Amino acid sequence: MSAAADPTPTTATAVWLHGVVAGTATPAGLPGIAGTPVRAVTAAGLVAVVSDAPLSEYGEAALRRNLEDLAWLERAARAHHAVVDALSRSGAVVPARLATVHSDDDRVARVLVERHDELAGTLARLAGRAEWGVKGYVVPGATPRVEEPAGGGGAGAAYLRRRKAQLSAREEGQRVAADGAAAVHAALAGYAVAARRHAPQDRRLSGAPTAMVLNGAYLVDRDRWDGFAALARELAEGHPEVRLELTGPWPPYSFVAEPEAEPAWA
């Protein structure tokens, strides 16, 4: 995510960038970030899909403040993604980073001109493809039970032995699940056009009862989506130590330039 923004202009609105497409049509009546209809800014043969954003909420200072508000951030992310998702159903799209705001249409057009080759190349690479996600979670008890070591001593010593055995079993389960996740990722990556393995989400964020060991994203050709889903099901059956969760198709967020590697939008 990025709070990139031009210095606050004197006009009442700024321009929120949703993404860049190659076509000229934008979804009719689709609401943008502030409920205003999305519209197109065209330059250098590319189309930036934008919506007008009131400076009172999306100006530089207000935006930085609002990005600290999780409820506001969730609403903004949902509205932004709805536009990108609609665009992706019509063709290739280069999604903009969340909270990419420009001062006016001229600035947006300048970005299209300055980054034309990069954006056009990315659109060509993404055409006819979509992102699929596969998450993997540890399955408790999927590994052989570690026997409690025998030993003398009183109740305290027996308790410590049980705790040690439990910890050993948990560590072994994590290791086996991690190995399984690596095998799953390798197989899926071999089927996909491109793959990214993101850092596992914290359990508080994922909401899962067990640890995440795979957070993969896969760029898959449209005519191979069914095969990819079938492969994921086959891998789930072959790796009972990992619970797999398949989602998609999604806009290709994971397969555009990373924020730290790309020129700033604004």
Protein backbone atom coordinates (compact mmCIF):
# COMPACT_ATOMS: atom_id res chain seq x y z
CA MET A 1 0.00 0.00 0.00
CA SER A 2 1.07 3.52 -0.62
CA ALA A 3 -0.02 6.96 0.45
CA ALA A 4 1.63 8.57 -2.56
CA ALA A 5 0.00 11.92 -3.29
CA ASP A 6 0.79 15.18 -5.01
CA PRO A 7 0.80 18.38 -2.96
CA THR A 8 -2.77 19.39 -2.22
CA PRO A 9 -4.10 21.48 -5.12
CA THR A 10 -6.63 24.28 -4.88
CA THR A 11 -9.40 22.34 -6.61
CA ALA A 12 -12.07 20.48 -4.64
CA THR A 13 -11.12 17.01 -5.81
CA ALA A 14 -8.08 14.90 -6.51
CA VAL A 15 -7.85 11.93 -8.87
CA TRP A 16 -7.73 8.38 -7.49
CA LEU A 17 -6.09 5.90 -9.85
CA HIS A 18 -7.60 2.41 -9.96
CA GLY A 19 -5.61 0.87 -12.77
CA VAL A 20 -4.40 1.04 -16.35
CA VAL A 21 -5.93 -0.81 -19.30
CA ALA A 22 -5.30 -0.92 -23.02
CA GLY A 23 -8.89 -0.50 -24.21
CA THR A 24 -11.00 2.62 -24.38
CA ALA A 25 -14.16 1.41 -22.63
CA THR A 26 -14.71 1.58 -18.88
CA PRO A 27 -17.59 -0.12 -17.03
CA ALA A 28 -20.60 2.18 -17.35
CA GLY A 29 -21.90 3.53 -14.07
CA LEU A 30 -19.33 1.71 -11.96
CA PRO A 31 -18.84 3.60 -8.68
CA GLY A 32 -15.32 4.66 -7.81
CA ILE A 33 -13.54 5.35 -4.55
CA ALA A 34 -15.93 8.03 -3.27
CA GLY A 35 -19.05 6.75 -5.00
CA THR A 36 -18.45 8.94 -8.05
CA PRO A 37 -18.50 7.14 -11.42
CA VAL A 38 -15.20 5.92 -12.76
CA ARG A 39 -13.93 7.60 -15.89
CA ALA A 40 -11.03 7.33 -18.32
CA VAL A 41 -7.91 9.43 -18.79
CA THR A 42 -6.25 8.53 -22.09
CA ALA A 43 -2.68 9.17 -23.21
CA ALA A 44 -0.03 7.38 -25.29
CA GLY A 45 -2.48 4.67 -26.31
CA LEU A 46 -3.18 3.69 -22.69
CA VAL A 47 -6.20 4.31 -20.48
CA ALA A 48 -6.04 5.16 -16.80
CA VAL A 49 -9.28 4.34 -15.00
CA VAL A 50 -9.81 6.92 -12.28
CA SER A 51 -12.46 8.41 -10.02
CA ASP A 52 -12.74 11.84 -8.44
CA ALA A 53 -11.89 11.95 -4.74
CA PRO A 54 -12.84 14.88 -2.45
CA LEU A 55 -9.79 16.57 -0.97
CA SER A 56 -11.52 16.74 2.40
CA GLU A 57 -11.06 12.97 2.66
CA TYR A 58 -8.41 12.14 0.08
CA GLY A 59 -6.10 15.16 0.15
CA GLU A 60 -2.54 14.44 1.23
CA ALA A 61 -2.95 15.21 4.94
CA ALA A 62 -6.43 13.69 5.18
CA LEU A 63 -5.33 10.57 3.31
CA ARG A 64 -2.37 9.93 5.59
CA ARG A 65 -4.64 10.31 8.59
CA ASN A 66 -7.34 8.04 7.16
CA LEU A 67 -4.85 5.32 6.30
CA GLU A 68 -4.41 4.86 10.06
CA ASP A 69 -8.15 4.15 10.41
CA LEU A 70 -8.67 0.43 9.79
CA ALA A 71 -12.41 0.77 9.12
CA TRP A 72 -11.79 3.53 6.57
CA LEU A 73 -8.97 1.55 5.01
CA GLU A 74 -11.18 -1.52 4.64
CA ARG A 75 -13.90 0.51 2.89
CA ALA A 76 -11.38 2.14 0.56
CA ALA A 77 -9.74 -1.20 -0.26
CA ARG A 78 -13.12 -2.78 -1.01
CA ALA A 79 -14.16 0.07 -3.33
CA HIS A 80 -10.78 0.10 -5.08
CA HIS A 81 -10.76 -3.66 -5.58
CA ALA A 82 -14.34 -3.66 -6.94
CA VAL A 83 -13.23 -1.40 -9.79
CA VAL A 84 -10.07 -3.38 -10.51
CA ASP A 85 -12.03 -6.65 -10.42
CA ALA A 86 -14.60 -5.31 -12.89
CA LEU A 87 -11.82 -4.16 -15.21
CA SER A 88 -10.09 -7.54 -15.03
CA ARG A 89 -13.24 -9.29 -16.24
CA SER A 90 -13.06 -7.27 -19.46
CA GLY A 91 -9.36 -7.73 -20.18
CA ALA A 92 -5.86 -7.15 -18.88
CA VAL A 93 -5.40 -4.51 -16.18
CA VAL A 94 -2.40 -3.19 -14.30
CA PRO A 95 -3.83 -2.52 -10.83
CA ALA A 96 -2.67 0.65 -9.12
CA ARG A 97 -1.44 0.47 -5.56
CA LEU A 98 -4.09 1.33 -3.00
CA ALA A 99 -4.21 5.06 -2.21
CA THR A 100 -2.52 6.26 -5.38
CA VAL A 101 -3.82 9.81 -5.70
CA HIS A 102 -2.89 12.50 -8.23
CA SER A 103 -3.62 16.19 -8.29
CA ASP A 104 -5.32 16.26 -11.69
CA ASP A 105 -5.84 14.48 -15.01
CA ASP A 106 -2.73 16.05 -16.53
CA ARG A 107 -0.57 14.38 -13.91
CA VAL A 108 -2.23 11.03 -14.61
CA ALA A 109 -1.67 11.46 -18.35
CA ARG A 110 1.97 12.30 -17.73
CA VAL A 111 2.39 9.03 -15.85
CA LEU A 112 0.97 7.11 -18.83
CA VAL A 113 3.45 8.80 -21.15
CA GLU A 114 6.47 8.43 -18.87
CA ARG A 115 5.77 4.78 -18.06
CA HIS A 116 4.31 3.77 -21.40
CA ASP A 117 6.76 0.99 -22.28
CA GLU A 118 6.61 -0.58 -18.83
CA LEU A 119 2.81 -0.44 -18.60
CA ALA A 120 2.24 -1.63 -22.17
CA GLY A 121 4.65 -4.51 -21.62
CA THR A 122 2.91 -5.52 -18.41
CA LEU A 123 -0.51 -5.43 -20.08
CA ALA A 124 0.78 -7.66 -22.88
CA ARG A 125 2.22 -10.11 -20.34
CA LEU A 126 -1.01 -10.26 -18.34
CA ALA A 127 -3.40 -10.61 -21.29
CA GLY A 128 -5.57 -13.72 -21.03
CA ARG A 129 -4.27 -14.54 -17.57
CA ALA A 130 -5.40 -14.13 -13.99
CA GLU A 131 -4.04 -14.60 -10.50
CA TRP A 132 -5.02 -17.56 -8.35
CA GLY A 133 -4.23 -17.84 -4.67
CA VAL A 134 -3.40 -20.95 -2.67
CA LYS A 135 -3.00 -20.83 1.08
CA GLY A 136 -1.85 -23.78 3.14
CA TYR A 137 -2.35 -24.40 6.86
CA VAL A 138 -0.92 -26.93 9.28
CA VAL A 139 -3.22 -29.89 9.92
CA PRO A 140 -2.88 -30.96 13.58
CA GLY A 141 -2.34 -34.66 14.12
CA ALA A 142 -1.44 -35.39 10.51
CA THR A 143 2.02 -36.64 11.55
CA PRO A 144 2.75 -39.77 13.60
CA ARG A 145 2.37 -39.22 17.32
CA VAL A 146 5.61 -38.74 19.23
CA GLU A 147 5.64 -41.25 22.06
CA GLU A 148 6.13 -39.89 25.55
CA PRO A 149 9.57 -40.97 26.78
CA ALA A 150 9.59 -43.34 29.72
CA GLY A 151 11.27 -42.28 32.90
CA GLY A 152 11.07 -42.24 36.65
CA GLY A 153 10.54 -39.38 39.02
CA GLY A 154 7.44 -37.87 40.44
CA ALA A 155 4.47 -36.04 38.96
CA GLY A 156 6.56 -32.97 38.14
CA ALA A 157 9.05 -34.95 36.08
CA ALA A 158 6.24 -36.76 34.27
CA TYR A 159 4.59 -33.43 33.43
CA LEU A 160 7.83 -32.06 31.98
CA ARG A 161 8.26 -35.19 29.87
CA ARG A 162 4.72 -34.83 28.52
CA ARG A 163 5.28 -31.16 27.68
CA LYS A 164 8.53 -31.98 25.91
CA ALA A 165 6.80 -34.69 23.88
CA GLN A 166 3.96 -32.31 22.97
CA LEU A 167 6.40 -29.63 21.85
CA SER A 168 8.36 -32.16 19.82
CA ALA A 169 5.16 -33.34 18.12
CA ARG A 170 4.16 -29.75 17.34
CA GLU A 171 7.57 -28.94 15.90
CA GLU A 172 7.53 -32.11 13.82
CA GLY A 173 4.06 -31.27 12.54
CA GLN A 174 5.22 -27.79 11.55
CA ARG A 175 8.27 -29.19 9.78
CA VAL A 176 6.29 -31.80 7.86
CA ALA A 177 3.66 -29.24 6.87
CA ALA A 178 6.35 -26.80 5.73
CA ASP A 179 7.94 -29.50 3.58
CA GLY A 180 4.54 -30.35 2.13
CA ALA A 181 3.83 -26.69 1.41
CA ALA A 182 7.12 -26.39 -0.46
CA ALA A 183 6.22 -29.39 -2.61
CA VAL A 184 2.75 -28.00 -3.31
CA HIS A 185 4.17 -24.62 -4.31
CA ALA A 186 6.73 -26.20 -6.62
CA ALA A 187 4.05 -28.22 -8.40
CA LEU A 188 1.69 -25.26 -8.79
CA ALA A 189 4.49 -22.96 -9.91
CA GLY A 190 5.46 -25.49 -12.55
CA TYR A 191 1.93 -25.37 -13.96
CA ALA A 192 1.53 -21.58 -13.82
CA VAL A 193 3.08 -18.93 -16.05
CA ALA A 194 4.59 -17.23 -12.99
CA ALA A 195 4.42 -17.66 -9.23
CA ARG A 196 5.06 -15.68 -6.08
CA ARG A 197 5.39 -17.05 -2.57
CA HIS A 198 4.37 -14.34 -0.14
CA ALA A 199 5.15 -14.31 3.57
CA PRO A 200 2.58 -16.31 5.58
CA GLN A 201 -0.11 -14.22 7.22
CA ASP A 202 -0.23 -13.96 10.99
CA ARG A 203 -2.96 -16.14 12.47
CA ARG A 204 -4.71 -13.05 13.82
CA LEU A 205 -5.03 -11.75 10.26
CA SER A 206 -5.85 -15.03 8.52
CA GLY A 207 -8.39 -16.03 11.16
CA ALA A 208 -7.28 -19.65 10.79
CA PRO A 209 -6.97 -21.91 13.85
CA THR A 210 -3.53 -23.18 12.80
CA ALA A 211 -0.38 -21.64 11.34
CA MET A 212 -0.18 -20.73 7.66
CA VAL A 213 2.71 -22.41 5.85
CA LEU A 214 1.89 -21.39 2.27
CA ASN A 215 0.72 -18.07 0.88
CA GLY A 216 1.15 -18.50 -2.85
CA ALA A 217 0.01 -16.51 -5.88
CA TYR A 218 0.00 -18.01 -9.36
CA LEU A 219 -0.48 -16.39 -12.76
CA VAL A 220 -2.45 -18.84 -14.89
CA ASP A 221 -3.60 -18.77 -18.52
CA ARG A 222 -7.38 -18.56 -18.81
CA ASP A 223 -7.66 -21.83 -20.74
CA ARG A 224 -5.78 -23.65 -17.96
CA TRP A 225 -7.85 -22.51 -14.98
CA ASP A 226 -9.76 -25.79 -14.68
CA GLY A 227 -6.54 -27.76 -14.84
CA PHE A 228 -4.96 -25.58 -12.17
CA ALA A 229 -7.93 -26.13 -9.84
CA ALA A 230 -7.78 -29.87 -10.51
CA LEU A 231 -4.06 -29.92 -9.71
CA ALA A 232 -4.69 -28.07 -6.45
CA ARG A 233 -7.31 -30.67 -5.45
CA GLU A 234 -4.92 -33.49 -6.34
CA LEU A 235 -2.16 -31.92 -4.26
CA ALA A 236 -4.53 -31.48 -1.33
CA GLU A 237 -5.30 -35.20 -1.40
CA GLY A 238 -1.62 -36.06 -1.66
CA HIS A 239 -0.58 -33.81 1.22
CA PRO A 240 -2.95 -34.39 4.14
CA GLU A 241 -0.50 -32.59 6.42
CA VAL A 242 -1.49 -29.28 4.77
CA ARG A 243 -5.01 -27.90 4.41
CA LEU A 244 -5.13 -26.06 1.10
CA GLU A 245 -7.43 -23.16 0.30
CA LEU A 246 -7.82 -22.17 -3.38
CA THR A 247 -9.19 -18.76 -4.37
CA GLY A 248 -9.52 -16.93 -7.67
CA PRO A 249 -9.49 -15.80 -10.32
CA TRP A 250 -8.21 -12.43 -9.10
CA PRO A 251 -6.75 -9.35 -10.74
CA PRO A 252 -2.97 -9.88 -11.00
CA TYR A 253 -1.88 -7.76 -8.03
CA SER A 254 1.09 -10.02 -7.34
CA PHE A 255 2.45 -9.80 -10.86
CA VAL A 256 2.96 -6.10 -11.39
CA ALA A 257 6.09 -4.28 -10.26
CA GLU A 258 6.68 -4.26 -6.53
CA PRO A 259 6.17 -0.84 -4.90
CA GLU A 260 9.80 -0.48 -3.92
CA ALA A 261 10.95 -1.40 -7.42
CA GLU A 262 8.58 0.71 -9.51
CA PRO A 263 8.65 4.47 -10.09
CA ALA A 264 6.17 6.29 -7.88
CA TRP A 265 2.79 6.86 -9.46
CA ALA A 266 2.55 10.35 -8.09
